[in-house]
C-alpha atoms as a PDB file:
ATOM      1  CA  MET A   1     -40.418 -23.720-114.638  1.00  0.00           C
ATOM      2  CA  PHE A   2     -38.921 -21.165-116.706  1.00  0.00           C
ATOM      3  CA  GLU A   3     -35.913 -21.481-114.858  1.00  0.00           C
ATOM      4  CA  GLY A   4     -35.963 -24.944-116.013  1.00  0.00           C
ATOM      5  CA  VAL A   5     -36.366 -23.903-119.513  1.00  0.00           C
ATOM      6  CA  VAL A   6     -33.613 -21.274-119.736  1.00  0.00           C
ATOM      7  CA  SER A   7     -30.833 -23.647-117.984  1.00  0.00           C
ATOM      8  CA  GLN A   8     -31.050 -26.063-120.235  1.00  0.00           C
ATOM      9  CA  VAL A   9     -30.545 -23.875-123.014  1.00  0.00           C
ATOM     10  CA  LEU A  10     -27.547 -21.863-121.345  1.00  0.00           C
ATOM     11  CA  ALA A  11     -26.309 -25.330-120.922  1.00  0.00           C
ATOM     12  CA  GLY A  12     -26.556 -25.933-124.401  1.00  0.00           C
ATOM     13  CA  TYR A  13     -24.313 -23.236-124.783  1.00  0.00           C
ATOM     14  CA  LEU A  14     -22.094 -22.917-121.784  1.00  0.00           C
ATOM     15  CA  GLY A  15     -22.418 -26.299-121.305  1.00  0.00           C
ATOM     16  CA  ARG A  16     -18.927 -27.535-122.307  1.00  0.00           C
ATOM     17  CA  TYR A  17     -17.649 -24.905-120.136  1.00  0.00           C
ATOM     18  CA  ILE A  18     -19.606 -25.999-116.481  1.00  0.00           C
ATOM     19  CA  LYS A  19     -21.172 -28.530-114.759  1.00  0.00           C
ATOM     20  CA  CYS A  20     -24.782 -28.864-114.493  1.00  0.00           C
ATOM     21  CA  ILE A  21     -26.462 -26.161-114.011  1.00  0.00           C
ATOM     22  CA  GLN A  22     -29.024 -26.627-111.454  1.00  0.00           C
ATOM     23  CA  LYS A  23     -32.464 -24.026-111.550  1.00  0.00           C
ATOM     24  CA  GLU A  24     -31.563 -22.942-107.671  1.00  0.00           C
ATOM     25  CA  GLN A  25     -28.074 -21.564-108.932  1.00  0.00           C
ATOM     26  CA  LEU A  26     -29.906 -19.346-111.816  1.00  0.00           C
ATOM     27  CA  LYS A  27     -32.014 -16.096-111.509  1.00  0.00           C
ATOM     28  CA  ILE A  28     -33.440 -14.422-114.176  1.00  0.00           C
ATOM     29  CA  GLY A  29     -34.670 -10.953-114.007  1.00  0.00           C
ATOM     30  CA  ILE A  30     -37.535 -10.401-116.258  1.00  0.00           C
ATOM     31  CA  TRP A  31     -38.012  -7.049-116.750  1.00  0.00           C
ATOM     32  CA  ASN A  32     -33.946  -5.908-117.111  1.00  0.00           C
ATOM     33  CA  GLY A  33     -33.318  -9.163-118.699  1.00  0.00           C
ATOM     34  CA  GLU A  34     -30.607 -10.327-116.758  1.00  0.00           C
ATOM     35  CA  ILE A  35     -29.650 -14.193-115.669  1.00  0.00           C
ATOM     36  CA  LEU A  36     -27.514 -14.509-112.425  1.00  0.00           C
ATOM     37  CA  LEU A  37     -25.881 -17.942-112.583  1.00  0.00           C
ATOM     38  CA  GLU A  38     -24.513 -18.235-108.868  1.00  0.00           C
ATOM     39  CA  LYS A  39     -21.486 -20.642-107.642  1.00  0.00           C
ATOM     40  CA  VAL A  40     -21.228 -22.328-110.615  1.00  0.00           C
ATOM     41  CA  GLU A  41     -17.972 -25.214-111.139  1.00  0.00           C
ATOM     42  CA  LEU A  42     -15.939 -25.339-114.364  1.00  0.00           C
ATOM     43  CA  ILE A  43     -14.918 -28.331-116.083  1.00  0.00           C
ATOM     44  CA  LEU A  44     -11.312 -27.491-116.344  1.00  0.00           C
ATOM     45  CA  GLU A  45     -10.381 -29.674-118.857  1.00  0.00           C
ATOM     46  CA  ALA A  46     -13.009 -27.422-121.169  1.00  0.00           C
ATOM     47  CA  PHE A  47      -9.885 -25.533-121.081  1.00  0.00           C
ATOM     48  CA  ASP A  48      -7.337 -27.037-122.440  1.00  0.00           C
ATOM     49  CA  TYR A  49      -7.252 -26.720-125.730  1.00  0.00           C
ATOM     50  CA  LEU A  50      -5.543 -23.005-124.165  1.00  0.00           C
ATOM     51  CA  GLN A  51      -2.725 -24.191-123.368  1.00  0.00           C
ATOM     52  CA  LEU A  52      -1.849 -22.047-120.340  1.00  0.00           C
ATOM     53  CA  PRO A  53       1.346 -21.719-118.910  1.00  0.00           C
ATOM     54  CA  PHE A  54      -0.358 -23.667-115.504  1.00  0.00           C
ATOM     55  CA  THR A  55      -2.579 -25.779-113.948  1.00  0.00           C
ATOM     56  CA  LEU A  56      -5.903 -25.952-113.197  1.00  0.00           C
ATOM     57  CA  LYS A  57      -6.728 -27.448-110.540  1.00  0.00           C
ATOM     58  CA  ASN A  58     -10.179 -26.053-109.445  1.00  0.00           C
ATOM     59  CA  GLY A  59     -12.503 -24.058-111.029  1.00  0.00           C
ATOM     60  CA  ARG A  60     -15.471 -22.042-109.762  1.00  0.00           C
ATOM     61  CA  VAL A  61     -16.972 -19.336-110.339  1.00  0.00           C
ATOM     62  CA  GLY A  62     -19.374 -16.924-107.181  1.00  0.00           C
ATOM     63  CA  LYS A  63     -21.068 -15.005-109.733  1.00  0.00           C
ATOM     64  CA  TRP A  64     -21.969 -14.893-113.318  1.00  0.00           C
ATOM     65  CA  SER A  65     -24.148 -12.153-114.718  1.00  0.00           C
ATOM     66  CA  ILE A  66     -25.211 -12.189-118.185  1.00  0.00           C
END
């Protein structure tokens, strides 16, 4: 239940950059305050504004600790 609430909050902040956050991808350390996202897929179009000198074809983050 707590993961569902946190995933909604994270989606509000990170939803521009990452595809749908499933609560199975989310691990929360209550005592140490760590949030761990695993196997997160990026929204490639979200990075177009950076005008990078290369094109992103696929984007995935294995582990993302907040």
